[in-house]
Amino acid sequence: MTKFTLIIPCYNEEKNIQKLATQISNLKRFVRFDTILVNNGSIDNTKIELESLKKKNKIKKLNIINIKKNIGFGNAVKKGVLKSKTKIICYTHADLQTDIKDVLKAFNIF
């Protein structure tokens, strides 16, 4: 049973996508969750990197949303929330400045 949805807005994160994917896959060893990666109007190759993840099925239960124009982090989270199918939703940043394991800590506290 899927426990929650993790939403991660990505803006110009092409260099972080593969590492982020590895961290997400590692986290999925501990808990089942859906992942929504939101390409938030990136002008680099973020979209291509995200499509590659989807094509290679590198992340199980992955959805990708592409937003043409970035109008803010909150808008990207909102788009992800609207696509979520779970009652519990978490979000974090794609820039790897926050440890993705914090999502699991927060979920366990919840």
PDB file of N, CA and C in Angstrom:
ATOM      1  N   MET A   1       0.839  -1.192   0.000  1.00  0.00           N
ATOM      2  CA  MET A   1       0.000   0.000   0.000  1.00  0.00           C
ATOM      3  C   MET A   1       0.879   1.249   0.000  1.00  0.00           C
ATOM      4  N   THR A   2       0.557   2.175  -0.887  1.00  0.00           N
ATOM      5  CA  THR A   2       1.298   3.428  -0.960  1.00  0.00           C
ATOM      6  C   THR A   2       0.960   4.272   0.264  1.00  0.00           C
ATOM      7  N   LYS A   3       1.984   4.758   0.915  1.00  0.00           N
ATOM      8  CA  LYS A   3       1.803   5.513   2.154  1.00  0.00           C
ATOM      9  C   LYS A   3       1.590   7.008   1.926  1.00  0.00           C
ATOM     10  N   PHE A   4       2.335   7.577   0.962  1.00  0.00           N
ATOM     11  CA  PHE A   4       2.238   9.014   0.723  1.00  0.00           C
ATOM     12  C   PHE A   4       2.757   9.332  -0.677  1.00  0.00           C
ATOM     13  N   THR A   5       2.609  10.591  -1.062  1.00  0.00           N
ATOM     14  CA  THR A   5       3.174  11.085  -2.311  1.00  0.00           C
ATOM     15  C   THR A   5       4.263  12.087  -1.980  1.00  0.00           C
ATOM     16  N   LEU A   6       5.387  11.952  -2.657  1.00  0.00           N
ATOM     17  CA  LEU A   6       6.490  12.892  -2.522  1.00  0.00           C
ATOM     18  C   LEU A   6       6.536  13.754  -3.772  1.00  0.00           C
ATOM     19  N   ILE A   7       6.411  15.051  -3.588  1.00  0.00           N
ATOM     20  CA  ILE A   7       6.436  16.016  -4.693  1.00  0.00           C
ATOM     21  C   ILE A   7       7.766  16.769  -4.638  1.00  0.00           C
ATOM     22  N   ILE A   8       8.443  16.811  -5.779  1.00  0.00           N
ATOM     23  CA  ILE A   8       9.721  17.521  -5.831  1.00  0.00           C
ATOM     24  C   ILE A   8       9.744  18.443  -7.054  1.00  0.00           C
ATOM     25  N   PRO A   9       9.565  19.749  -6.835  1.00  0.00           N
ATOM     26  CA  PRO A   9       9.721  20.694  -7.936  1.00  0.00           C
ATOM     27  C   PRO A   9      11.186  20.762  -8.362  1.00  0.00           C
ATOM     28  N   CYS A  10      11.409  20.818  -9.660  1.00  0.00           N
ATOM     29  CA  CYS A  10      12.766  20.861 -10.221  1.00  0.00           C
ATOM     30  C   CYS A  10      12.878  22.061 -11.147  1.00  0.00           C
ATOM     31  N   TYR A  11      13.755  22.986 -10.811  1.00  0.00           N
ATOM     32  CA  TYR A  11      13.997  24.121 -11.702  1.00  0.00           C
ATOM     33  C   TYR A  11      15.490  24.166 -12.024  1.00  0.00           C
ATOM     34  N   ASN A  12      15.820  23.919 -13.272  1.00  0.00           N
ATOM     35  CA  ASN A  12      17.207  23.912 -13.742  1.00  0.00           C
ATOM     36  C   ASN A  12      18.084  22.995 -12.884  1.00  0.00           C
ATOM     37  N   GLU A  13      17.628  21.777 -12.724  1.00  0.00           N
ATOM     38  CA  GLU A  13      18.327  20.796 -11.889  1.00  0.00           C
ATOM     39  C   GLU A  13      18.909  19.639 -12.694  1.00  0.00           C
ATOM     40  N   GLU A  14      19.184  19.851 -13.973  1.00  0.00           N
ATOM     41  CA  GLU A  14      19.660  18.750 -14.822  1.00  0.00           C
ATOM     42  C   GLU A  14      20.859  18.026 -14.211  1.00  0.00           C
ATOM     43  N   LYS A  15      21.732  18.729 -13.530  1.00  0.00           N
ATOM     44  CA  LYS A  15      22.930  18.104 -12.967  1.00  0.00           C
ATOM     45  C   LYS A  15      22.632  17.291 -11.711  1.00  0.00           C
ATOM     46  N   ASN A  16      21.487  17.521 -11.100  1.00  0.00           N
ATOM     47  CA  ASN A  16      21.135  16.812  -9.865  1.00  0.00           C
ATOM     48  C   ASN A  16      20.164  15.663 -10.075  1.00  0.00           C
ATOM     49  N   ILE A  17      19.554  15.551 -11.223  1.00  0.00           N
ATOM     50  CA  ILE A  17      18.452  14.600 -11.422  1.00  0.00           C
ATOM     51  C   ILE A  17      18.880  13.154 -11.179  1.00  0.00           C
ATOM     52  N   GLN A  18      20.016  12.747 -11.700  1.00  0.00           N
ATOM     53  CA  GLN A  18      20.434  11.347 -11.528  1.00  0.00           C
ATOM     54  C   GLN A  18      20.724  11.031 -10.059  1.00  0.00           C
ATOM     55  N   LYS A  19      21.388  11.936  -9.374  1.00  0.00           N
ATOM     56  CA  LYS A  19      21.671  11.726  -7.945  1.00  0.00           C
ATOM     57  C   LYS A  19      20.367  11.728  -7.143  1.00  0.00           C
ATOM     58  N   LEU A  20      19.475  12.641  -7.490  1.00  0.00           N
ATOM     59  CA  LEU A  20      18.169  12.691  -6.840  1.00  0.00           C
ATOM     60  C   LEU A  20      17.416  11.380  -7.043  1.00  0.00           C
ATOM     61  N   ALA A  21      17.472  10.848  -8.250  1.00  0.00           N
ATOM     62  CA  ALA A  21      16.802   9.576  -8.549  1.00  0.00           C
ATOM     63  C   ALA A  21      17.359   8.445  -7.695  1.00  0.00           C
ATOM     64  N   THR A  22      18.663   8.425  -7.523  1.00  0.00           N
ATOM     65  CA  THR A  22      19.287   7.400  -6.679  1.00  0.00           C
ATOM     66  C   THR A  22      18.814   7.539  -5.236  1.00  0.00           C
ATOM     67  N   GLN A  23      18.748   8.765  -4.738  1.00  0.00           N
ATOM     68  CA  GLN A  23      18.290   8.985  -3.369  1.00  0.00           C
ATOM     69  C   GLN A  23      16.829   8.570  -3.198  1.00  0.00           C
ATOM     70  N   ILE A  24      16.001   8.873  -4.181  1.00  0.00           N
ATOM     71  CA  ILE A  24      14.595   8.474  -4.119  1.00  0.00           C
ATOM     72  C   ILE A  24      14.486   6.955  -4.119  1.00  0.00           C
ATOM     73  N   SER A  25      15.208   6.303  -5.001  1.00  0.00           N
ATOM     74  CA  SER A  25      15.176   4.834  -5.072  1.00  0.00           C
ATOM     75  C   SER A  25      15.645   4.212  -3.765  1.00  0.00           C
ATOM     76  N   ASN A  26      16.683   4.776  -3.162  1.00  0.00           N
ATOM     77  CA  ASN A  26      17.163   4.268  -1.874  1.00  0.00           C
ATOM     78  C   ASN A  26      16.117   4.437  -0.785  1.00  0.00           C
ATOM     79  N   LEU A  27      15.418   5.562  -0.787  1.00  0.00           N
ATOM     80  CA  LEU A  27      14.379   5.813   0.213  1.00  0.00           C
ATOM     81  C   LEU A  27      13.214   4.838   0.044  1.00  0.00           C
ATOM     82  N   LYS A  28      12.933   4.465  -1.193  1.00  0.00           N
ATOM     83  CA  LYS A  28      11.825   3.542  -1.464  1.00  0.00           C
ATOM     84  C   LYS A  28      12.088   2.143  -0.910  1.00  0.00           C
ATOM     85  N   ARG A  29      13.305   1.865  -0.494  1.00  0.00           N
ATOM     86  CA  ARG A  29      13.592   0.578   0.153  1.00  0.00           C
ATOM     87  C   ARG A  29      12.962   0.516   1.539  1.00  0.00           C
ATOM     88  N   PHE A  30      12.663   1.673   2.125  1.00  0.00           N
ATOM     89  CA  PHE A  30      12.156   1.734   3.491  1.00  0.00           C
ATOM     90  C   PHE A  30      10.658   1.987   3.593  1.00  0.00           C
ATOM     91  N   VAL A  31      10.090   2.614   2.581  1.00  0.00           N
ATOM     92  CA  VAL A  31       8.666   2.947   2.620  1.00  0.00           C
ATOM     93  C   VAL A  31       8.157   3.062   1.185  1.00  0.00           C
ATOM     94  N   ARG A  32       6.886   2.698   0.984  1.00  0.00           N
ATOM     95  CA  ARG A  32       6.290   2.793  -0.352  1.00  0.00           C
ATOM     96  C   ARG A  32       5.617   4.147  -0.520  1.00  0.00           C
ATOM     97  N   PHE A  33       5.980   4.827  -1.587  1.00  0.00           N
ATOM     98  CA  PHE A  33       5.377   6.131  -1.866  1.00  0.00           C
ATOM     99  C   PHE A  33       5.408   6.405  -3.360  1.00  0.00           C
ATOM    100  N   ASP A  34       4.502   7.272  -3.769  1.00  0.00           N
ATOM    101  CA  ASP A  34       4.480   7.754  -5.147  1.00  0.00           C
ATOM    102  C   ASP A  34       5.407   8.958  -5.236  1.00  0.00           C
ATOM    103  N   THR A  35       5.969   9.175  -6.403  1.00  0.00           N
ATOM    104  CA  THR A  35       6.852  10.317  -6.610  1.00  0.00           C
ATOM    105  C   THR A  35       6.324  11.151  -7.770  1.00  0.00           C
ATOM    106  N   ILE A  36       6.222  12.449  -7.539  1.00  0.00           N
ATOM    107  CA  ILE A  36       5.868  13.388  -8.600  1.00  0.00           C
ATOM    108  C   ILE A  36       7.007  14.390  -8.710  1.00  0.00           C
ATOM    109  N   LEU A  37       7.689  14.353  -9.850  1.00  0.00           N
ATOM    110  CA  LEU A  37       8.738  15.328 -10.134  1.00  0.00           C
ATOM    111  C   LEU A  37       8.142  16.375 -11.065  1.00  0.00           C
ATOM    112  N   VAL A  38       8.250  17.623 -10.657  1.00  0.00           N
ATOM    113  CA  VAL A  38       7.650  18.715 -11.421  1.00  0.00           C
ATOM    114  C   VAL A  38       8.753  19.537 -12.072  1.00  0.00           C
ATOM    115  N   ASN A  39       8.817  19.473 -13.396  1.00  0.00           N
ATOM    116  CA  ASN A  39       9.733  20.335 -14.130  1.00  0.00           C
ATOM    117  C   ASN A  39       9.100  21.721 -14.138  1.00  0.00           C
ATOM    118  N   ASN A  40       9.658  22.603 -13.333  1.00  0.00           N
ATOM    119  CA  ASN A  40       9.043  23.899 -13.070  1.00  0.00           C
ATOM    120  C   ASN A  40       9.560  24.983 -14.014  1.00  0.00           C
ATOM    121  N   GLY A  41       9.336  24.774 -15.318  1.00  0.00           N
ATOM    122  CA  GLY A  41       9.716  25.780 -16.307  1.00  0.00           C
ATOM    123  C   GLY A  41      11.216  25.881 -16.532  1.00  0.00           C
ATOM    124  N   SER A  42      11.927  24.799 -16.336  1.00  0.00           N
ATOM    125  CA  SER A  42      13.387  24.810 -16.494  1.00  0.00           C
ATOM    126  C   SER A  42      13.783  25.221 -17.910  1.00  0.00           C
ATOM    127  N   ILE A  43      14.923  25.913 -17.992  1.00  0.00           N
ATOM    128  CA  ILE A  43      15.442  26.324 -19.294  1.00  0.00           C
ATOM    129  C   ILE A  43      16.725  25.563 -19.639  1.00  0.00           C
ATOM    130  N   ASP A  44      17.097  24.593 -18.812  1.00  0.00           N
ATOM    131  CA  ASP A  44      18.233  23.725 -19.115  1.00  0.00           C
ATOM    132  C   ASP A  44      17.685  22.376 -19.595  1.00  0.00           C
ATOM    133  N   ASN A  45      18.383  21.299 -19.384  1.00  0.00           N
ATOM    134  CA  ASN A  45      17.956  19.976 -19.846  1.00  0.00           C
ATOM    135  C   ASN A  45      17.247  19.153 -18.775  1.00  0.00           C
ATOM    136  N   THR A  46      16.668  19.803 -17.793  1.00  0.00           N
ATOM    137  CA  THR A  46      15.939  19.095 -16.741  1.00  0.00           C
ATOM    138  C   THR A  46      14.846  18.210 -17.335  1.00  0.00           C
ATOM    139  N   LYS A  47      14.092  18.727 -18.268  1.00  0.00           N
ATOM    140  CA  LYS A  47      13.000  17.961 -18.875  1.00  0.00           C
ATOM    141  C   LYS A  47      13.521  16.681 -19.518  1.00  0.00           C
ATOM    142  N   ILE A  48      14.623  16.768 -20.230  1.00  0.00           N
ATOM    143  CA  ILE A  48      15.217  15.597 -20.886  1.00  0.00           C
ATOM    144  C   ILE A  48      15.665  14.576 -19.836  1.00  0.00           C
ATOM    145  N   GLU A  49      16.287  15.052 -18.775  1.00  0.00           N
ATOM    146  CA  GLU A  49      16.740  14.156 -17.699  1.00  0.00           C
ATOM    147  C   GLU A  49      15.557  13.453 -17.033  1.00  0.00           C
ATOM    148  N   LEU A  50      14.485  14.184 -16.800  1.00  0.00           N
ATOM    149  CA  LEU A  50      13.294  13.585 -16.177  1.00  0.00           C
ATOM    150  C   LEU A  50      12.660  12.549 -17.098  1.00  0.00           C
ATOM    151  N   GLU A  51      12.574  12.877 -18.380  1.00  0.00           N
ATOM    152  CA  GLU A  51      12.008  11.921 -19.346  1.00  0.00           C
ATOM    153  C   GLU A  51      12.856  10.653 -19.419  1.00  0.00           C
ATOM    154  N   SER A  52      14.161  10.797 -19.282  1.00  0.00           N
ATOM    155  CA  SER A  52      15.067   9.648 -19.284  1.00  0.00           C
ATOM    156  C   SER A  52      14.791   8.741 -18.084  1.00  0.00           C
ATOM    157  N   LEU A  53      14.567   9.349 -16.919  1.00  0.00           N
ATOM    158  CA  LEU A  53      14.231   8.558 -15.725  1.00  0.00           C
ATOM    159  C   LEU A  53      12.965   7.749 -15.951  1.00  0.00           C
ATOM    160  N   LYS A  54      11.971   8.399 -16.516  1.00  0.00           N
ATOM    161  CA  LYS A  54      10.685   7.749 -16.765  1.00  0.00           C
ATOM    162  C   LYS A  54      10.850   6.605 -17.767  1.00  0.00           C
ATOM    163  N   LYS A  55      11.572   6.870 -18.832  1.00  0.00           N
ATOM    164  CA  LYS A  55      11.774   5.878 -19.885  1.00  0.00           C
ATOM    165  C   LYS A  55      12.515   4.648 -19.361  1.00  0.00           C
ATOM    166  N   LYS A  56      13.521   4.880 -18.532  1.00  0.00           N
ATOM    167  CA  LYS A  56      14.325   3.780 -17.986  1.00  0.00           C
ATOM    168  C   LYS A  56      13.665   3.121 -16.778  1.00  0.00           C
ATOM    169  N   ASN A  57      12.523   3.678 -16.333  1.00  0.00           N
ATOM    170  CA  ASN A  57      11.808   3.168 -15.161  1.00  0.00           C
ATOM    171  C   ASN A  57      12.732   3.100 -13.947  1.00  0.00           C
ATOM    172  N   LYS A  58      13.568   4.123 -13.812  1.00  0.00           N
ATOM    173  CA  LYS A  58      14.546   4.157 -12.721  1.00  0.00           C
ATOM    174  C   LYS A  58      13.885   4.371 -11.360  1.00  0.00           C
ATOM    175  N   ILE A  59      12.739   5.046 -11.361  1.00  0.00           N
ATOM    176  CA  ILE A  59      12.000   5.280 -10.121  1.00  0.00           C
ATOM    177  C   ILE A  59      10.623   4.658 -10.277  1.00  0.00           C
ATOM    178  N   LYS A  60      10.287   3.751  -9.398  1.00  0.00           N
ATOM    179  CA  LYS A  60       8.960   3.128  -9.426  1.00  0.00           C
ATOM    180  C   LYS A  60       7.916   4.141  -8.971  1.00  0.00           C
ATOM    181  N   LYS A  61       6.733   4.037  -9.558  1.00  0.00           N
ATOM    182  CA  LYS A  61       5.609   4.931  -9.241  1.00  0.00           C
ATOM    183  C   LYS A  61       5.993   6.398  -9.409  1.00  0.00           C
ATOM    184  N   LEU A  62       6.518   6.710 -10.597  1.00  0.00           N
ATOM    185  CA  LEU A  62       6.962   8.069 -10.916  1.00  0.00           C
ATOM    186  C   LEU A  62       5.999   8.738 -11.878  1.00  0.00           C
ATOM    187  N   ASN A  63       5.618   9.944 -11.524  1.00  0.00           N
ATOM    188  CA  ASN A  63       4.848  10.806 -12.417  1.00  0.00           C
ATOM    189  C   ASN A  63       5.668  12.068 -12.653  1.00  0.00           C
ATOM    190  N   ILE A  64       5.593  12.584 -13.863  1.00  0.00           N
ATOM    191  CA  ILE A  64       6.296  13.817 -14.197  1.00  0.00           C
ATOM    192  C   ILE A  64       5.287  14.833 -14.701  1.00  0.00           C
ATOM    193  N   ILE A  65       5.416  16.042 -14.193  1.00  0.00           N
ATOM    194  CA  ILE A  65       4.582  17.156 -14.635  1.00  0.00           C
ATOM    195  C   ILE A  65       5.528  18.193 -15.244  1.00  0.00           C
ATOM    196  N   ASN A  66       5.184  18.698 -16.389  1.00  0.00           N
ATOM    197  CA  ASN A  66       5.968  19.758 -17.024  1.00  0.00           C
ATOM    198  C   ASN A  66       5.165  21.053 -17.010  1.00  0.00           C
ATOM    199  N   ILE A  67       5.739  22.061 -16.399  1.00  0.00           N
ATOM    200  CA  ILE A  67       5.145  23.396 -16.375  1.00  0.00           C
ATOM    201  C   ILE A  67       5.980  24.260 -17.320  1.00  0.00           C
ATOM    202  N   LYS A  68       5.333  24.938 -18.234  1.00  0.00           N
ATOM    203  CA  LYS A  68       6.070  25.729 -19.232  1.00  0.00           C
ATOM    204  C   LYS A  68       6.756  26.948 -18.633  1.00  0.00           C
ATOM    205  N   LYS A  69       6.043  27.671 -17.751  1.00  0.00           N
ATOM    206  CA  LYS A  69       6.603  28.900 -17.193  1.00  0.00           C
ATOM    207  C   LYS A  69       6.647  28.801 -15.674  1.00  0.00           C
ATOM    208  N   ASN A  70       7.811  29.038 -15.120  1.00  0.00           N
ATOM    209  CA  ASN A  70       7.983  29.002 -13.674  1.00  0.00           C
ATOM    210  C   ASN A  70       7.353  30.247 -13.057  1.00  0.00           C
ATOM    211  N   ILE A  71       6.320  30.019 -12.252  1.00  0.00           N
ATOM    212  CA  ILE A  71       5.731  31.143 -11.523  1.00  0.00           C
ATOM    213  C   ILE A  71       5.872  30.940 -10.015  1.00  0.00           C
ATOM    214  N   GLY A  72       6.807  30.068  -9.646  1.00  0.00           N
ATOM    215  CA  GLY A  72       7.128  29.905  -8.233  1.00  0.00           C
ATOM    216  C   GLY A  72       7.072  28.466  -7.753  1.00  0.00           C
ATOM    217  N   PHE A  73       7.828  28.218  -6.690  1.00  0.00           N
ATOM    218  CA  PHE A  73       7.914  26.904  -6.063  1.00  0.00           C
ATOM    219  C   PHE A  73       6.530  26.430  -5.606  1.00  0.00           C
ATOM    220  N   GLY A  74       5.781  27.326  -4.997  1.00  0.00           N
ATOM    221  CA  GLY A  74       4.448  26.970  -4.489  1.00  0.00           C
ATOM    222  C   GLY A  74       3.512  26.489  -5.576  1.00  0.00           C
ATOM    223  N   ASN A  75       3.587  27.101  -6.740  1.00  0.00           N
ATOM    224  CA  ASN A  75       2.753  26.667  -7.860  1.00  0.00           C
ATOM    225  C   ASN A  75       3.117  25.249  -8.284  1.00  0.00           C
ATOM    226  N   ALA A  76       4.404  24.939  -8.300  1.00  0.00           N
ATOM    227  CA  ALA A  76       4.837  23.583  -8.675  1.00  0.00           C
ATOM    228  C   ALA A  76       4.347  22.559  -7.650  1.00  0.00           C
ATOM    229  N   VAL A  77       4.434  22.899  -6.387  1.00  0.00           N
ATOM    230  CA  VAL A  77       3.920  21.998  -5.346  1.00  0.00           C
ATOM    231  C   VAL A  77       2.414  21.806  -5.534  1.00  0.00           C
ATOM    232  N   LYS A  78       1.697  22.891  -5.781  1.00  0.00           N
ATOM    233  CA  LYS A  78       0.247  22.816  -5.985  1.00  0.00           C
ATOM    234  C   LYS A  78      -0.108  21.896  -7.150  1.00  0.00           C
ATOM    235  N   LYS A  79       0.606  22.025  -8.261  1.00  0.00           N
ATOM    236  CA  LYS A  79       0.350  21.154  -9.416  1.00  0.00           C
ATOM    237  C   LYS A  79       0.549  19.689  -9.030  1.00  0.00           C
ATOM    238  N   GLY A  80       1.571  19.421  -8.223  1.00  0.00           N
ATOM    239  CA  GLY A  80       1.814  18.069  -7.752  1.00  0.00           C
ATOM    240  C   GLY A  80       0.712  17.575  -6.832  1.00  0.00           C
ATOM    241  N   VAL A  81       0.260  18.431  -5.946  1.00  0.00           N
ATOM    242  CA  VAL A  81      -0.825  18.071  -5.019  1.00  0.00           C
ATOM    243  C   VAL A  81      -2.074  17.694  -5.808  1.00  0.00           C
ATOM    244  N   LEU A  82      -2.371  18.457  -6.845  1.00  0.00           N
ATOM    245  CA  LEU A  82      -3.561  18.187  -7.648  1.00  0.00           C
ATOM    246  C   LEU A  82      -3.473  16.846  -8.384  1.00  0.00           C
ATOM    247  N   LYS A  83      -2.271  16.359  -8.657  1.00  0.00           N
ATOM    248  CA  LYS A  83      -2.083  15.064  -9.331  1.00  0.00           C
ATOM    249  C   LYS A  83      -1.941  13.901  -8.345  1.00  0.00           C
ATOM    250  N   SER A  84      -1.767  14.212  -7.081  1.00  0.00           N
ATOM    251  CA  SER A  84      -1.550  13.168  -6.075  1.00  0.00           C
ATOM    252  C   SER A  84      -2.798  12.332  -5.872  1.00  0.00           C
ATOM    253  N   LYS A  85      -2.587  11.067  -5.551  1.00  0.00           N
ATOM    254  CA  LYS A  85      -3.699  10.156  -5.297  1.00  0.00           C
ATOM    255  C   LYS A  85      -3.701   9.648  -3.861  1.00  0.00           C
ATOM    256  N   THR A  86      -2.869  10.234  -3.014  1.00  0.00           N
ATOM    257  CA  THR A  86      -2.794   9.794  -1.621  1.00  0.00           C
ATOM    258  C   THR A  86      -3.292  10.896  -0.692  1.00  0.00           C
ATOM    259  N   LYS A  87      -3.625  10.491   0.522  1.00  0.00           N
ATOM    260  CA  LYS A  87      -4.103  11.464   1.507  1.00  0.00           C
ATOM    261  C   LYS A  87      -2.961  12.228   2.161  1.00  0.00           C
ATOM    262  N   ILE A  88      -1.789  11.625   2.202  1.00  0.00           N
ATOM    263  CA  ILE A  88      -0.628  12.258   2.815  1.00  0.00           C
ATOM    264  C   ILE A  88       0.323  12.686   1.706  1.00  0.00           C
ATOM    265  N   ILE A  89       0.763  13.940   1.788  1.00  0.00           N
ATOM    266  CA  ILE A  89       1.636  14.508   0.755  1.00  0.00           C
ATOM    267  C   ILE A  89       2.828  15.171   1.434  1.00  0.00           C
ATOM    268  N   CYS A  90       4.008  14.885   0.913  1.00  0.00           N
ATOM    269  CA  CYS A  90       5.237  15.527   1.364  1.00  0.00           C
ATOM    270  C   CYS A  90       5.871  16.224   0.167  1.00  0.00           C
ATOM    271  N   TYR A  91       6.707  17.186   0.437  1.00  0.00           N
ATOM    272  CA  TYR A  91       7.463  17.791  -0.658  1.00  0.00           C
ATOM    273  C   TYR A  91       8.840  18.177  -0.148  1.00  0.00           C
ATOM    274  N   THR A  92       9.747  18.274  -1.093  1.00  0.00           N
ATOM    275  CA  THR A  92      11.102  18.714  -0.782  1.00  0.00           C
ATOM    276  C   THR A  92      11.677  19.381  -2.014  1.00  0.00           C
ATOM    277  N   HIS A  93      12.919  19.790  -1.925  1.00  0.00           N
ATOM    278  CA  HIS A  93      13.591  20.489  -3.009  1.00  0.00           C
ATOM    279  C   HIS A  93      14.491  19.543  -3.789  1.00  0.00           C
ATOM    280  N   ALA A  94      14.688  19.824  -5.064  1.00  0.00           N
ATOM    281  CA  ALA A  94      15.526  18.985  -5.925  1.00  0.00           C
ATOM    282  C   ALA A  94      16.991  19.386  -5.879  1.00  0.00           C
ATOM    283  N   ASP A  95      17.315  20.466  -5.191  1.00  0.00           N
ATOM    284  CA  ASP A  95      18.688  20.983  -5.238  1.00  0.00           C
ATOM    285  C   ASP A  95      19.662  20.227  -4.335  1.00  0.00           C
ATOM    286  N   LEU A  96      19.172  19.188  -3.645  1.00  0.00           N
ATOM    287  CA  LEU A  96      19.997  18.318  -2.803  1.00  0.00           C
ATOM    288  C   LEU A  96      20.577  19.025  -1.582  1.00  0.00           C
ATOM    289  N   GLN A  97      20.077  20.205  -1.260  1.00  0.00           N
ATOM    290  CA  GLN A  97      20.539  20.894  -0.057  1.00  0.00           C
ATOM    291  C   GLN A  97      19.825  20.377   1.187  1.00  0.00           C
ATOM    292  N   THR A  98      18.729  19.673   0.967  1.00  0.00           N
ATOM    293  CA  THR A  98      17.986  19.044   2.051  1.00  0.00           C
ATOM    294  C   THR A  98      18.096  17.541   1.865  1.00  0.00           C
ATOM    295  N   ASP A  99      18.433  16.827   2.925  1.00  0.00           N
ATOM    296  CA  ASP A  99      18.558  15.374   2.854  1.00  0.00           C
ATOM    297  C   ASP A  99      17.180  14.769   2.606  1.00  0.00           C
ATOM    298  N   ILE A 100      17.061  14.000   1.552  1.00  0.00           N
ATOM    299  CA  ILE A 100      15.769  13.407   1.203  1.00  0.00           C
ATOM    300  C   ILE A 100      15.274  12.458   2.290  1.00  0.00           C
ATOM    301  N   LYS A 101      16.189  11.939   3.101  1.00  0.00           N
ATOM    302  CA  LYS A 101      15.791  11.063   4.212  1.00  0.00           C
ATOM    303  C   LYS A 101      14.939  11.805   5.238  1.00  0.00           C
ATOM    304  N   ASP A 102      15.000  13.137   5.230  1.00  0.00           N
ATOM    305  CA  ASP A 102      14.162  13.924   6.141  1.00  0.00           C
ATOM    306  C   ASP A 102      12.678  13.699   5.872  1.00  0.00           C
ATOM    307  N   VAL A 103      12.348  13.358   4.632  1.00  0.00           N
ATOM    308  CA  VAL A 103      10.953  13.050   4.291  1.00  0.00           C
ATOM    309  C   VAL A 103      10.482  11.850   5.095  1.00  0.00           C
ATOM    310  N   LEU A 104      11.322  10.827   5.175  1.00  0.00           N
ATOM    311  CA  LEU A 104      10.969   9.627   5.939  1.00  0.00           C
ATOM    312  C   LEU A 104      10.868   9.954   7.425  1.00  0.00           C
ATOM    313  N   LYS A 105      11.772  10.786   7.923  1.00  0.00           N
ATOM    314  CA  LYS A 105      11.713  11.206   9.338  1.00  0.00           C
ATOM    315  C   LYS A 105      10.386  11.908   9.605  1.00  0.00           C
ATOM    316  N   ALA A 106      10.016  12.832   8.732  1.00  0.00           N
ATOM    317  CA  ALA A 106       8.754  13.566   8.902  1.00  0.00           C
ATOM    318  C   ALA A 106       7.559  12.643   8.833  1.00  0.00           C
ATOM    319  N   PHE A 107       7.583  11.715   7.889  1.00  0.00           N
ATOM    320  CA  PHE A 107       6.474  10.763   7.754  1.00  0.00           C
ATOM    321  C   PHE A 107       6.353   9.919   9.021  1.00  0.00           C
ATOM    322  N   ASN A 108       7.474   9.444   9.550  1.00  0.00           N
ATOM    323  CA  ASN A 108       7.423   8.647  10.769  1.00  0.00           C
ATOM    324  C   ASN A 108       6.914   9.427  11.968  1.00  0.00           C
ATOM    325  N   ILE A 109       7.248  10.705  12.042  1.00  0.00           N
ATOM    326  CA  ILE A 109       6.720  11.562  13.117  1.00  0.00           C
ATOM    327  C   ILE A 109       5.213  11.722  12.953  1.00  0.00           C
ATOM    328  N   PHE A 110       4.788  11.914  11.708  1.00  0.00           N
ATOM    329  CA  PHE A 110       3.367  12.063  11.419  1.00  0.00           C
ATOM    330  C   PHE A 110       2.608  10.836  11.856  1.00  0.00           C
TER     331      PHE A 110
END
